[in-house]
Amino acid sequence: MTKKKTRKKAKNKWSASVTQRSDALDLENSVFKRTTPKQIAASLKRSADRSKRRKGAPYQSAMSMLNFYINRAGRNLPASRKKVLNRAKDELRALYGRE
């Protein structure tokens, strides 16, 4: 007979710890809960420009963190929220002159 191994459910999700302790950049509190795409993009830009821990260019780090958040939220992200976050990508591109 084979025993099935059961895993204990983690208290915190690994994706939450990534956004808090990532080497990509030091994020401001509740950056992804902001209401407008401009606010989100501006906060990510500030964080990316100031961060000493990022590995890549500021634009790359900011966009990477935004994509990570969208991808990790997955099906749990309401369509309206996903729309705001995707618009934040466009705002971020504009802030860095990458249109």
C-alpha atoms as a PDB file:
ATOM      1  CA  MET A   1       0.000   0.000   0.000  1.00  0.00           C
ATOM      2  CA  THR A   2       1.167   3.470  -0.751  1.00  0.00           C
ATOM      3  CA  LYS A   3       0.642   6.381   1.550  1.00  0.00           C
ATOM      4  CA  LYS A   4      -0.376   9.704   0.189  1.00  0.00           C
ATOM      5  CA  LYS A   5       1.613  12.551   1.552  1.00  0.00           C
ATOM      6  CA  THR A   6      -0.389  15.554   2.579  1.00  0.00           C
ATOM      7  CA  ARG A   7       0.994  19.011   2.715  1.00  0.00           C
ATOM      8  CA  LYS A   8       0.138  21.492   5.372  1.00  0.00           C
ATOM      9  CA  LYS A   9      -1.345  24.646   3.973  1.00  0.00           C
ATOM     10  CA  ALA A  10       1.074  27.536   4.207  1.00  0.00           C
ATOM     11  CA  LYS A  11       0.003  30.487   6.323  1.00  0.00           C
ATOM     12  CA  ASN A  12       1.096  32.984   3.695  1.00  0.00           C
ATOM     13  CA  LYS A  13       1.132  32.594  -0.024  1.00  0.00           C
ATOM     14  CA  TRP A  14       4.566  32.507  -1.614  1.00  0.00           C
ATOM     15  CA  SER A  15       3.567  35.202  -4.082  1.00  0.00           C
ATOM     16  CA  ALA A  16       2.865  37.624  -1.231  1.00  0.00           C
ATOM     17  CA  SER A  17       6.332  37.069   0.149  1.00  0.00           C
ATOM     18  CA  VAL A  18       7.822  37.661  -3.300  1.00  0.00           C
ATOM     19  CA  THR A  19       6.184  41.069  -3.603  1.00  0.00           C
ATOM     20  CA  GLN A  20       7.393  41.979  -0.106  1.00  0.00           C
ATOM     21  CA  ARG A  21      10.948  40.641  -0.247  1.00  0.00           C
ATOM     22  CA  SER A  22      11.740  40.585  -3.944  1.00  0.00           C
ATOM     23  CA  ASP A  23      15.083  41.745  -5.250  1.00  0.00           C
ATOM     24  CA  ALA A  24      13.247  43.285  -8.177  1.00  0.00           C
ATOM     25  CA  LEU A  25      12.380  46.417  -6.204  1.00  0.00           C
ATOM     26  CA  ASP A  26      11.145  47.845  -2.921  1.00  0.00           C
ATOM     27  CA  LEU A  27       7.435  48.494  -3.402  1.00  0.00           C
ATOM     28  CA  GLU A  28       5.353  51.126  -1.681  1.00  0.00           C
ATOM     29  CA  ASN A  29       2.526  49.806   0.503  1.00  0.00           C
ATOM     30  CA  SER A  30      -0.675  48.768  -1.292  1.00  0.00           C
ATOM     31  CA  VAL A  31       0.621  49.859  -4.678  1.00  0.00           C
ATOM     32  CA  PHE A  32      -1.592  47.390  -6.556  1.00  0.00           C
ATOM     33  CA  LYS A  33      -4.711  48.483  -4.670  1.00  0.00           C
ATOM     34  CA  ARG A  34      -4.544  52.046  -5.956  1.00  0.00           C
ATOM     35  CA  THR A  35      -7.541  53.155  -7.981  1.00  0.00           C
ATOM     36  CA  THR A  36      -6.126  54.644 -11.180  1.00  0.00           C
ATOM     37  CA  PRO A  37      -3.576  53.281 -13.654  1.00  0.00           C
ATOM     38  CA  LYS A  38      -1.599  56.537 -13.389  1.00  0.00           C
ATOM     39  CA  GLN A  39      -1.221  56.155  -9.612  1.00  0.00           C
ATOM     40  CA  ILE A  40      -0.056  52.547  -9.956  1.00  0.00           C
ATOM     41  CA  ALA A  41       2.410  53.345 -12.744  1.00  0.00           C
ATOM     42  CA  ALA A  42       3.807  56.397 -10.939  1.00  0.00           C
ATOM     43  CA  SER A  43       4.323  54.406  -7.753  1.00  0.00           C
ATOM     44  CA  LEU A  44       6.073  51.576  -9.614  1.00  0.00           C
ATOM     45  CA  LYS A  45       8.297  54.098 -11.399  1.00  0.00           C
ATOM     46  CA  ARG A  46       9.249  55.783  -8.117  1.00  0.00           C
ATOM     47  CA  SER A  47      10.004  52.423  -6.538  1.00  0.00           C
ATOM     48  CA  ALA A  48      12.049  51.208  -9.504  1.00  0.00           C
ATOM     49  CA  ASP A  49      14.050  54.422  -9.772  1.00  0.00           C
ATOM     50  CA  ARG A  50      14.863  54.495  -6.043  1.00  0.00           C
ATOM     51  CA  SER A  51      15.496  50.795  -5.451  1.00  0.00           C
ATOM     52  CA  LYS A  52      19.066  49.706  -4.826  1.00  0.00           C
ATOM     53  CA  ARG A  53      18.151  46.012  -4.877  1.00  0.00           C
ATOM     54  CA  ARG A  54      16.933  45.667  -8.444  1.00  0.00           C
ATOM     55  CA  LYS A  55      18.888  43.513 -10.859  1.00  0.00           C
ATOM     56  CA  GLY A  56      17.782  44.966 -14.176  1.00  0.00           C
ATOM     57  CA  ALA A  57      16.912  48.378 -15.530  1.00  0.00           C
ATOM     58  CA  PRO A  58      14.229  50.369 -13.678  1.00  0.00           C
ATOM     59  CA  TYR A  59      11.671  49.926 -16.482  1.00  0.00           C
ATOM     60  CA  GLN A  60      12.295  46.187 -16.624  1.00  0.00           C
ATOM     61  CA  SER A  61      11.914  45.781 -12.862  1.00  0.00           C
ATOM     62  CA  ALA A  62       8.723  47.843 -12.664  1.00  0.00           C
ATOM     63  CA  MET A  63       7.052  46.055 -15.576  1.00  0.00           C
ATOM     64  CA  SER A  64       8.186  42.696 -14.260  1.00  0.00           C
ATOM     65  CA  MET A  65       6.598  43.302 -10.862  1.00  0.00           C
ATOM     66  CA  LEU A  66       3.345  44.461 -12.442  1.00  0.00           C
ATOM     67  CA  ASN A  67       3.190  41.388 -14.687  1.00  0.00           C
ATOM     68  CA  PHE A  68       4.031  39.141 -11.743  1.00  0.00           C
ATOM     69  CA  TYR A  69       1.133  40.565  -9.739  1.00  0.00           C
ATOM     70  CA  ILE A  70      -1.330  40.163 -12.634  1.00  0.00           C
ATOM     71  CA  ASN A  71      -0.198  36.613 -13.380  1.00  0.00           C
ATOM     72  CA  ARG A  72      -0.256  35.469  -9.756  1.00  0.00           C
ATOM     73  CA  ALA A  73      -3.736  36.878  -9.114  1.00  0.00           C
ATOM     74  CA  GLY A  74      -5.041  34.814 -12.015  1.00  0.00           C
ATOM     75  CA  ARG A  75      -8.708  33.892 -11.907  1.00  0.00           C
ATOM     76  CA  ASN A  76      -9.197  35.642  -8.575  1.00  0.00           C
ATOM     77  CA  LEU A  77      -8.646  39.040 -10.171  1.00  0.00           C
ATOM     78  CA  PRO A  78     -11.940  40.709 -11.201  1.00  0.00           C
ATOM     79  CA  ALA A  79     -12.136  41.869 -14.808  1.00  0.00           C
ATOM     80  CA  SER A  80     -12.451  45.512 -13.785  1.00  0.00           C
ATOM     81  CA  ARG A  81      -9.294  45.295 -11.673  1.00  0.00           C
ATOM     82  CA  LYS A  82      -7.394  43.490 -14.424  1.00  0.00           C
ATOM     83  CA  LYS A  83      -8.385  46.257 -16.834  1.00  0.00           C
ATOM     84  CA  VAL A  84      -6.952  48.912 -14.482  1.00  0.00           C
ATOM     85  CA  LEU A  85      -3.707  46.954 -14.054  1.00  0.00           C
ATOM     86  CA  ASN A  86      -3.321  46.426 -17.806  1.00  0.00           C
ATOM     87  CA  ARG A  87      -3.841  50.144 -18.369  1.00  0.00           C
ATOM     88  CA  ALA A  88      -1.134  50.736 -15.774  1.00  0.00           C
ATOM     89  CA  LYS A  89       1.243  48.898 -18.129  1.00  0.00           C
ATOM     90  CA  ASP A  90       0.493  51.461 -20.831  1.00  0.00           C
ATOM     91  CA  GLU A  91       1.010  54.308 -18.360  1.00  0.00           C
ATOM     92  CA  LEU A  92       4.312  52.791 -17.253  1.00  0.00           C
ATOM     93  CA  ARG A  93       5.484  52.531 -20.860  1.00  0.00           C
ATOM     94  CA  ALA A  94       4.566  56.192 -21.368  1.00  0.00           C
ATOM     95  CA  LEU A  95       6.422  57.271 -18.217  1.00  0.00           C
ATOM     96  CA  TYR A  96       9.570  55.579 -19.458  1.00  0.00           C
ATOM     97  CA  GLY A  97       9.100  56.787 -23.043  1.00  0.00           C
ATOM     98  CA  ARG A  98       8.628  53.283 -24.420  1.00  0.00           C
ATOM     99  CA  GLU A  99       5.390  53.705 -26.365  1.00  0.00           C
END
